[in-house]
């Protein structure tokens, strides 16, 4: 028995599997290229792993699965608006190890997609479904509510800043009034400079007291001839 031919078969299956996985990835890329043009924000569809699948992988239920792609069991839609991202779980998802079929579960139905054409058709049905529309509406509502909340917070911050500024201004008013009153009773710089240039005042000599004329005549009369 030639066992090498079985090895070659395995290598060929692996090559085809990688090609199929690349085709699936390309379909998601095309879908997201259009979804990001949504006027209400940037929509993005991606495969995800549910909490159950994570627990199952840890406990060994999914033993032998090598790729994370094969562990994905949910499709998640996100809406990015400015710096915020909002997320909704919208559909079930399953992918075989050889790439196909891919299975979509939404709105009570299950679609099996065995090639890129079928997958594109299935994605189109998902995007046009009521469940997908509801998810978009919920995401849009969350984004609007978050924007309103941010506006209220910003307005409250502005009011707080205004009150703080007013309080500081009111506290500074008495200090400015006191400074003005002090400056009015203090010699001005010009007056102080003029006084310094003039120097100390010179003493004035006292005048000798004048004798009265009557006293002088009395003196003359009392003098002998």
Protein backbone atom coordinates (compact mmCIF):
# COMPACT_ATOMS: atom_id res chain seq x y z
CA UNK A 1 0.00 0.00 0.00
CA UNK A 2 1.30 3.42 -0.95
CA UNK A 3 0.69 5.60 2.13
CA UNK A 4 2.39 8.57 0.51
CA UNK A 5 -0.59 9.08 -1.79
CA UNK A 6 -2.78 9.59 1.28
CA UNK A 7 -0.37 12.25 2.51
CA UNK A 8 -0.64 13.98 -0.86
CA UNK A 9 -4.43 13.84 -0.62
CA UNK A 10 -4.27 15.49 2.78
CA UNK A 11 -2.00 18.23 1.47
CA UNK A 12 -4.38 18.87 -1.42
CA UNK A 13 -7.39 19.06 0.94
CA UNK A 14 -5.52 21.55 3.11
CA UNK A 15 -4.77 23.72 0.08
CA UNK A 16 -8.41 23.73 -0.98
CA UNK A 17 -9.49 24.46 2.59
CA UNK A 18 -7.24 27.52 2.79
CA UNK A 19 -8.58 28.75 -0.54
CA UNK A 20 -12.16 28.36 0.68
CA UNK A 21 -11.41 30.19 3.93
CA UNK A 22 -9.81 33.03 1.93
CA UNK A 23 -12.96 33.22 -0.23
CA UNK A 24 -15.14 33.53 2.87
CA UNK A 25 -12.88 36.23 4.28
CA UNK A 26 -13.13 38.12 1.00
CA UNK A 27 -16.94 38.05 1.16
CA UNK A 28 -16.88 39.57 4.66
CA UNK A 29 -14.42 42.20 3.42
CA UNK A 30 -16.77 43.18 0.57
CA UNK A 31 -19.75 43.38 2.91
CA UNK A 32 -17.91 45.61 5.38
CA UNK A 33 -16.63 47.88 2.62
CA UNK A 34 -20.25 48.83 1.92
CA UNK A 35 -21.45 48.78 5.55
CA UNK A 36 -18.88 51.40 6.60
CA UNK A 37 -20.66 53.88 4.29
CA UNK A 38 -23.81 53.81 6.43
CA UNK A 39 -24.79 57.48 7.05
CA UNK A 40 -25.50 56.96 10.75
CA UNK A 41 -21.97 55.75 11.48
CA UNK A 42 -19.54 53.02 10.46
CA UNK A 43 -21.16 49.56 10.54
CA UNK A 44 -18.99 46.45 10.76
CA UNK A 45 -19.94 42.75 10.62
CA UNK A 46 -17.61 40.18 12.16
CA UNK A 47 -17.49 36.61 13.36
CA UNK A 48 -17.31 36.08 17.08
CA UNK A 49 -17.06 33.37 19.72
CA UNK A 50 -19.89 33.12 22.22
CA UNK A 51 -19.33 32.49 25.90
CA UNK A 52 -20.67 28.95 25.48
CA UNK A 53 -18.20 28.19 22.69
CA UNK A 54 -15.31 29.48 24.78
CA UNK A 55 -16.30 27.28 27.71
CA UNK A 56 -16.78 24.32 25.37
CA UNK A 57 -13.33 24.79 23.89
CA UNK A 58 -11.78 24.87 27.36
CA UNK A 59 -13.57 21.72 28.51
CA UNK A 60 -12.55 19.85 25.41
CA UNK A 61 -15.89 19.69 23.61
CA UNK A 62 -14.22 21.25 20.55
CA UNK A 63 -11.00 19.27 20.90
CA UNK A 64 -8.99 19.04 17.70
CA UNK A 65 -10.11 22.42 16.35
CA UNK A 66 -6.97 24.29 15.35
CA UNK A 67 -8.30 27.50 13.85
CA UNK A 68 -10.25 30.19 15.68
CA UNK A 69 -12.36 30.55 12.54
CA UNK A 70 -13.87 27.15 13.24
CA UNK A 71 -14.77 28.19 16.80
CA UNK A 72 -16.77 31.22 15.66
CA UNK A 73 -20.46 30.61 16.30
CA UNK A 74 -21.96 34.14 16.23
CA UNK A 75 -22.12 37.14 13.88
CA UNK A 76 -21.80 40.50 15.62
CA UNK A 77 -22.71 43.91 14.21
CA UNK A 78 -21.00 47.03 15.54
CA UNK A 79 -21.66 50.73 14.96
CA UNK A 80 -18.80 53.18 15.38
CA UNK A 81 -19.70 56.85 15.92
CA UNK A 82 -16.75 59.17 16.61
CA UNK A 83 -14.90 57.55 19.52
CA UNK A 84 -17.74 55.25 20.64
CA UNK A 85 -18.55 51.70 19.50
CA UNK A 86 -21.89 49.93 20.06
CA UNK A 87 -22.38 46.19 19.50
CA UNK A 88 -25.34 43.86 18.77
CA UNK A 89 -25.40 40.07 18.38
CA UNK A 90 -27.40 39.42 15.18
CA UNK A 91 -27.02 35.85 13.88
CA UNK A 92 -25.63 32.37 14.37
CA UNK A 93 -22.64 31.20 12.32
CA UNK A 94 -20.83 27.96 11.63
CA UNK A 95 -17.99 27.08 9.28
CA UNK A 96 -16.62 23.65 8.38
CA UNK A 97 -12.93 22.89 8.61
CA UNK A 98 -12.68 22.65 4.82
CA UNK A 99 -14.15 26.15 4.46
CA UNK A 100 -17.62 25.15 3.20
CA UNK A 101 -20.43 24.96 3.88
CA UNK A 102 -20.93 28.09 5.96
CA UNK A 103 -24.18 28.15 7.90
CA UNK A 104 -26.15 31.32 8.73
CA UNK A 105 -28.90 31.28 11.38
CA UNK A 106 -31.21 34.28 11.73
CA UNK A 107 -34.91 35.13 11.99
CA UNK A 108 -35.79 31.47 12.59
CA UNK A 109 -34.14 30.19 9.42
CA UNK A 110 -30.88 28.41 8.60
CA UNK A 111 -29.00 28.91 5.35
CA UNK A 112 -26.23 26.57 4.19
CA UNK A 113 -23.76 28.25 1.82
CA UNK A 114 -21.46 25.88 -0.10
CA UNK A 115 -19.58 28.45 -2.21
CA UNK A 116 -18.93 32.21 -2.48
CA UNK A 117 -22.02 32.83 -4.61
CA UNK A 118 -24.28 31.11 -2.07
CA UNK A 119 -22.58 32.95 0.78
CA UNK A 120 -23.10 36.34 -0.89
CA UNK A 121 -26.76 35.46 -1.42
CA UNK A 122 -27.12 34.40 2.20
CA UNK A 123 -25.43 37.59 3.42
CA UNK A 124 -27.81 39.65 1.29
CA UNK A 125 -30.79 37.95 2.94
CA UNK A 126 -29.30 38.58 6.38
CA UNK A 127 -28.74 42.29 5.70
CA UNK A 128 -32.30 42.68 4.41
CA UNK A 129 -33.88 40.79 7.33
CA UNK A 130 -36.09 42.27 10.04
CA UNK A 131 -33.67 41.15 12.72
CA UNK A 132 -30.77 42.99 11.09
CA UNK A 133 -32.89 46.13 10.67
CA UNK A 134 -33.90 45.98 14.32
CA UNK A 135 -30.26 45.66 15.33
CA UNK A 136 -29.28 48.72 13.29
CA UNK A 137 -32.11 50.74 14.84
CA UNK A 138 -31.07 49.73 18.36
CA UNK A 139 -27.45 50.64 17.68
CA UNK A 140 -28.47 54.00 16.25
CA UNK A 141 -30.63 54.70 19.28
CA UNK A 142 -27.78 53.82 21.64
CA UNK A 143 -25.47 56.16 19.73
CA UNK A 144 -27.95 59.05 19.89
CA UNK A 145 -28.58 58.53 23.61
CA UNK A 146 -24.85 58.45 24.26
CA UNK A 147 -24.35 61.67 22.28
CA UNK A 148 -27.12 63.43 24.25
CA UNK A 149 -25.59 62.25 27.52
CA UNK A 150 -22.18 63.55 26.48
CA UNK A 151 -23.71 66.93 25.58
CA UNK A 152 -25.41 67.19 28.98
CA UNK A 153 -22.19 66.30 30.76
CA UNK A 154 -20.28 68.89 28.74
CA UNK A 155 -22.92 71.55 29.48
CA UNK A 156 -22.79 70.74 33.18
CA UNK A 157 -18.99 71.02 33.14
CA UNK A 158 -19.26 74.43 31.44
CA UNK A 159 -21.71 75.66 34.08
CA UNK A 160 -19.47 74.43 36.87
CA UNK A 161 -16.49 76.19 35.33
CA UNK A 162 -18.51 79.43 34.99
CA UNK A 163 -19.61 79.28 38.63
CA UNK A 164 -16.05 78.68 39.77
CA UNK A 165 -14.81 81.63 37.71
CA UNK A 166 -17.55 83.87 39.14
CA UNK A 167 -16.65 82.84 42.68
CA UNK A 168 -12.98 83.64 42.12
CA UNK A 169 -13.89 87.02 40.65
CA UNK A 170 -16.17 87.85 43.59
CA UNK A 171 -13.46 86.88 46.07
CA UNK A 172 -10.91 89.06 44.30
CA UNK A 173 -13.14 92.22 44.27
CA UNK A 174 -12.65 93.22 47.97
CA UNK A 175 -8.90 92.79 47.62
CA UNK A 176 -8.81 95.08 44.59
CA UNK A 177 -10.95 97.69 46.38
CA UNK A 178 -8.62 97.65 49.39
CA UNK A 179 -5.59 98.06 47.15
CA UNK A 180 -7.17 101.13 45.46
CA UNK A 181 -8.02 102.74 48.82
CA UNK A 182 -4.50 102.19 50.06
CA UNK A 183 -2.99 103.73 46.94
CA UNK A 184 -5.06 106.94 47.43
CA UNK A 185 -3.67 107.65 50.92
CA UNK A 186 -0.10 106.80 49.98
CA UNK A 187 2.24 109.41 48.48
CA UNK A 188 2.43 109.00 44.79
CA UNK A 189 5.74 107.89 43.24
CA UNK A 190 6.13 111.32 41.51
CA UNK A 191 5.78 113.22 44.77
CA UNK A 192 8.22 110.95 46.52
CA UNK A 193 10.78 111.43 43.72
CA UNK A 194 10.46 115.25 43.84
CA UNK A 195 10.93 115.27 47.61
CA UNK A 196 14.00 113.09 47.32
CA UNK A 197 15.58 115.44 44.74
CA UNK A 198 14.93 118.55 46.86
CA UNK A 199 16.88 117.12 49.76
CA UNK A 200 16.44 118.01 53.46
CA UNK A 201 14.99 121.45 54.30
CA UNK A 202 17.58 124.13 55.33
CA UNK A 203 17.20 125.80 58.74
CA UNK A 204 16.07 129.48 58.69
CA UNK A 205 18.01 131.93 60.95
CA UNK A 206 15.91 133.57 63.59
CA UNK A 207 15.63 137.41 63.35
CA UNK A 208 16.84 139.52 66.29
CA UNK A 209 14.04 141.21 68.16
CA UNK A 210 13.61 144.93 67.37
CA UNK A 211 13.69 147.44 70.18
CA UNK A 212 10.71 149.66 70.37
CA UNK A 213 11.25 153.35 69.57
CA UNK A 214 9.85 154.35 72.90
CA UNK A 215 12.49 152.41 74.72
CA UNK A 216 15.20 154.06 72.64
CA UNK A 217 13.95 157.56 73.52
CA UNK A 218 13.87 156.75 77.19
CA UNK A 219 17.45 155.66 76.98
CA UNK A 220 18.47 158.96 75.36
CA UNK A 221 16.74 161.04 78.03
CA UNK A 222 18.41 159.21 80.84
CA UNK A 223 21.89 159.74 79.43
CA UNK A 224 23.64 162.84 81.07
CA UNK A 225 24.59 165.80 78.85
